[in-house]
């Protein structure tokens, strides 16, 4: 649950932990679709396969 109070987003400890693990385990994020990857190589492959046109 996220509460918004005076332009602040407050996360529960569980949400904070989940976000940390996601960002720690998959630090490379696609700017176009927000998908995350463990390795930069996987992000590059994703971009070339999914977003190239």
C-alpha atoms as a PDB file:
ATOM      1  CA  UNK A   1       0.000   0.000   0.000  1.00  0.00           C
ATOM      2  CA  UNK A   2       1.270   3.463  -0.877  1.00  0.00           C
ATOM      3  CA  UNK A   3       0.037   6.541   0.927  1.00  0.00           C
ATOM      4  CA  UNK A   4       0.527   9.941  -0.639  1.00  0.00           C
ATOM      5  CA  UNK A   5       0.859  12.765   1.834  1.00  0.00           C
ATOM      6  CA  UNK A   6       2.084  16.185   0.820  1.00  0.00           C
ATOM      7  CA  UNK A   7       3.960  14.933  -2.263  1.00  0.00           C
ATOM      8  CA  UNK A   8       5.686  12.099  -0.404  1.00  0.00           C
ATOM      9  CA  UNK A   9       5.337   8.441  -1.245  1.00  0.00           C
ATOM     10  CA  UNK A  10       5.515   6.224   1.796  1.00  0.00           C
ATOM     11  CA  UNK A  11       6.301   2.561   1.280  1.00  0.00           C
ATOM     12  CA  UNK A  12       5.743  -0.221   3.729  1.00  0.00           C
ATOM     13  CA  UNK A  13       8.837  -2.104   4.818  1.00  0.00           C
ATOM     14  CA  UNK A  14       7.743  -5.067   2.719  1.00  0.00           C
ATOM     15  CA  UNK A  15       7.399  -2.900  -0.400  1.00  0.00           C
ATOM     16  CA  UNK A  16      10.771  -1.305   0.260  1.00  0.00           C
ATOM     17  CA  UNK A  17      12.383  -4.730   0.606  1.00  0.00           C
ATOM     18  CA  UNK A  18      10.709  -5.983  -2.580  1.00  0.00           C
ATOM     19  CA  UNK A  19      11.836  -2.922  -4.544  1.00  0.00           C
ATOM     20  CA  UNK A  20      15.392  -3.220  -3.215  1.00  0.00           C
ATOM     21  CA  UNK A  21      15.621  -6.894  -4.180  1.00  0.00           C
ATOM     22  CA  UNK A  22      14.253  -6.195  -7.644  1.00  0.00           C
ATOM     23  CA  UNK A  23      16.685  -3.329  -8.238  1.00  0.00           C
ATOM     24  CA  UNK A  24      19.582  -5.250  -6.718  1.00  0.00           C
ATOM     25  CA  UNK A  25      18.981  -8.492  -8.599  1.00  0.00           C
ATOM     26  CA  UNK A  26      18.072  -6.818 -11.875  1.00  0.00           C
ATOM     27  CA  UNK A  27      19.793  -3.437 -11.963  1.00  0.00           C
ATOM     28  CA  UNK A  28      19.547  -2.841 -15.721  1.00  0.00           C
ATOM     29  CA  UNK A  29      16.257  -1.294 -16.762  1.00  0.00           C
ATOM     30  CA  UNK A  30      14.892  -0.727 -20.245  1.00  0.00           C
ATOM     31  CA  UNK A  31      13.876   2.909 -20.678  1.00  0.00           C
ATOM     32  CA  UNK A  32      11.145   2.059 -23.168  1.00  0.00           C
ATOM     33  CA  UNK A  33       9.220  -0.680 -21.374  1.00  0.00           C
ATOM     34  CA  UNK A  34      10.685  -0.712 -17.828  1.00  0.00           C
ATOM     35  CA  UNK A  35      11.595  -4.374 -17.999  1.00  0.00           C
ATOM     36  CA  UNK A  36      14.629  -5.258 -15.862  1.00  0.00           C
ATOM     37  CA  UNK A  37      17.634  -7.504 -16.496  1.00  0.00           C
ATOM     38  CA  UNK A  38      20.437  -9.056 -14.483  1.00  0.00           C
ATOM     39  CA  UNK A  39      23.126  -8.236 -17.025  1.00  0.00           C
ATOM     40  CA  UNK A  40      23.732  -5.318 -19.317  1.00  0.00           C
ATOM     41  CA  UNK A  41      24.227  -7.808 -22.130  1.00  0.00           C
ATOM     42  CA  UNK A  42      20.638  -9.035 -21.675  1.00  0.00           C
ATOM     43  CA  UNK A  43      19.355  -5.474 -21.781  1.00  0.00           C
ATOM     44  CA  UNK A  44      21.235  -4.807 -25.041  1.00  0.00           C
ATOM     45  CA  UNK A  45      19.838  -8.005 -26.564  1.00  0.00           C
ATOM     46  CA  UNK A  46      16.337  -7.084 -25.430  1.00  0.00           C
ATOM     47  CA  UNK A  47      16.612  -3.615 -26.978  1.00  0.00           C
ATOM     48  CA  UNK A  48      17.834  -4.968 -30.290  1.00  0.00           C
ATOM     49  CA  UNK A  49      15.190  -7.708 -30.469  1.00  0.00           C
ATOM     50  CA  UNK A  50      12.162  -5.914 -29.065  1.00  0.00           C
ATOM     51  CA  UNK A  51      12.641  -2.203 -29.695  1.00  0.00           C
ATOM     52  CA  UNK A  52      14.604  -2.047 -32.931  1.00  0.00           C
ATOM     53  CA  UNK A  53      12.692  -1.036 -36.023  1.00  0.00           C
END
